[in-house]
Amino acid sequence: MARPYEESNSAVKTRRQQEDQRRMEFRRAIEHRCELRRLQQEINDYPELDAVNYWQAAPAASRQNVQQAR
């Protein structure tokens, strides 16, 4: 008689773990988005950094184009 209770208890436990996992993924996504927005605000406080970021990103993009051409 204890067997059906254990099976249903296991199913409930599994479902709760899956719900917790989904909640944590959602929370991490929200935290990541908030962090990106905060960093973007900080960067916008210093417009001169846009030129630095452009020059740093340009060589990386050209390296990718060279690798794709091979």
C-alpha atoms as a PDB file:
ATOM      1  CA  MET A   1       0.000   0.000   0.000  1.00  0.00           C
ATOM      2  CA  ALA A   2       2.870   2.389   0.586  1.00  0.00           C
ATOM      3  CA  ARG A   3       4.040   2.027  -2.982  1.00  0.00           C
ATOM      4  CA  PRO A   4       1.464   4.300  -4.740  1.00  0.00           C
ATOM      5  CA  TYR A   5       2.112   7.042  -2.184  1.00  0.00           C
ATOM      6  CA  GLU A   6       5.855   6.831  -2.775  1.00  0.00           C
ATOM      7  CA  GLU A   7       5.377   7.016  -6.553  1.00  0.00           C
ATOM      8  CA  SER A   8       3.086  10.031  -6.324  1.00  0.00           C
ATOM      9  CA  ASN A   9       5.433  11.655  -3.807  1.00  0.00           C
ATOM     10  CA  SER A  10       8.327  11.086  -6.201  1.00  0.00           C
ATOM     11  CA  ALA A  11       6.368  12.642  -9.067  1.00  0.00           C
ATOM     12  CA  VAL A  12       5.548  15.680  -6.931  1.00  0.00           C
ATOM     13  CA  LYS A  13       9.163  16.002  -5.883  1.00  0.00           C
ATOM     14  CA  THR A  14      10.357  15.772  -9.498  1.00  0.00           C
ATOM     15  CA  ARG A  15       7.801  18.357 -10.637  1.00  0.00           C
ATOM     16  CA  ARG A  16       8.839  20.752  -7.868  1.00  0.00           C
ATOM     17  CA  GLN A  17      12.499  20.344  -8.765  1.00  0.00           C
ATOM     18  CA  GLN A  18      11.715  21.127 -12.402  1.00  0.00           C
ATOM     19  CA  GLU A  19       9.694  24.196 -11.367  1.00  0.00           C
ATOM     20  CA  ASP A  20      12.536  25.352  -9.123  1.00  0.00           C
ATOM     21  CA  GLN A  21      15.002  24.883 -11.956  1.00  0.00           C
ATOM     22  CA  ARG A  22      12.826  26.948 -14.322  1.00  0.00           C
ATOM     23  CA  ARG A  23      12.453  29.670 -11.701  1.00  0.00           C
ATOM     24  CA  MET A  24      16.215  29.814 -11.153  1.00  0.00           C
ATOM     25  CA  GLU A  25      16.883  30.029 -14.908  1.00  0.00           C
ATOM     26  CA  PHE A  26      14.353  32.837 -15.168  1.00  0.00           C
ATOM     27  CA  ARG A  27      15.885  34.639 -12.194  1.00  0.00           C
ATOM     28  CA  ARG A  28      19.399  34.308 -13.643  1.00  0.00           C
ATOM     29  CA  ALA A  29      18.162  35.705 -16.957  1.00  0.00           C
ATOM     30  CA  ILE A  30      16.606  38.688 -15.171  1.00  0.00           C
ATOM     31  CA  GLU A  31      19.786  39.297 -13.163  1.00  0.00           C
ATOM     32  CA  HIS A  32      21.890  39.033 -16.317  1.00  0.00           C
ATOM     33  CA  ARG A  33      19.660  41.535 -18.098  1.00  0.00           C
ATOM     34  CA  CYS A  34      19.820  43.942 -15.144  1.00  0.00           C
ATOM     35  CA  GLU A  35      23.607  43.654 -15.080  1.00  0.00           C
ATOM     36  CA  LEU A  36      23.845  44.377 -18.812  1.00  0.00           C
ATOM     37  CA  ARG A  37      21.586  47.407 -18.442  1.00  0.00           C
ATOM     38  CA  ARG A  38      23.664  48.693 -15.513  1.00  0.00           C
ATOM     39  CA  LEU A  39      26.886  48.285 -17.471  1.00  0.00           C
ATOM     40  CA  GLN A  40      25.350  49.980 -20.492  1.00  0.00           C
ATOM     41  CA  GLN A  41      24.338  52.924 -18.313  1.00  0.00           C
ATOM     42  CA  GLU A  42      27.865  53.168 -16.951  1.00  0.00           C
ATOM     43  CA  ILE A  43      29.298  53.113 -20.457  1.00  0.00           C
ATOM     44  CA  ASN A  44      26.838  55.791 -21.557  1.00  0.00           C
ATOM     45  CA  ASP A  45      28.154  57.994 -18.752  1.00  0.00           C
ATOM     46  CA  TYR A  46      31.497  58.086 -20.613  1.00  0.00           C
ATOM     47  CA  PRO A  47      30.853  58.699 -24.338  1.00  0.00           C
ATOM     48  CA  GLU A  48      34.586  58.794 -25.059  1.00  0.00           C
ATOM     49  CA  LEU A  49      34.684  55.056 -24.323  1.00  0.00           C
ATOM     50  CA  ASP A  50      32.608  54.383 -27.452  1.00  0.00           C
ATOM     51  CA  ALA A  51      35.650  55.172 -29.588  1.00  0.00           C
ATOM     52  CA  VAL A  52      37.826  52.829 -27.511  1.00  0.00           C
ATOM     53  CA  ASN A  53      35.236  50.045 -27.736  1.00  0.00           C
ATOM     54  CA  TYR A  54      35.005  50.551 -31.499  1.00  0.00           C
ATOM     55  CA  TRP A  55      38.749  50.232 -31.985  1.00  0.00           C
ATOM     56  CA  GLN A  56      38.919  47.174 -29.738  1.00  0.00           C
ATOM     57  CA  ALA A  57      36.040  45.461 -31.544  1.00  0.00           C
ATOM     58  CA  ALA A  58      37.277  46.229 -35.064  1.00  0.00           C
ATOM     59  CA  PRO A  59      40.381  43.969 -34.974  1.00  0.00           C
ATOM     60  CA  ALA A  60      38.335  41.063 -33.553  1.00  0.00           C
ATOM     61  CA  ALA A  61      35.791  41.390 -36.364  1.00  0.00           C
ATOM     62  CA  SER A  62      38.509  41.474 -39.019  1.00  0.00           C
ATOM     63  CA  ARG A  63      40.107  38.335 -37.523  1.00  0.00           C
ATOM     64  CA  GLN A  64      36.768  36.531 -37.767  1.00  0.00           C
ATOM     65  CA  ASN A  65      36.409  37.554 -41.418  1.00  0.00           C
ATOM     66  CA  VAL A  66      39.888  36.208 -42.176  1.00  0.00           C
ATOM     67  CA  GLN A  67      39.096  32.894 -40.477  1.00  0.00           C
ATOM     68  CA  GLN A  68      35.856  32.536 -42.425  1.00  0.00           C
ATOM     69  CA  ALA A  69      37.653  33.199 -45.715  1.00  0.00           C
ATOM     70  CA  ARG A  70      40.010  30.261 -45.155  1.00  0.00           C
END
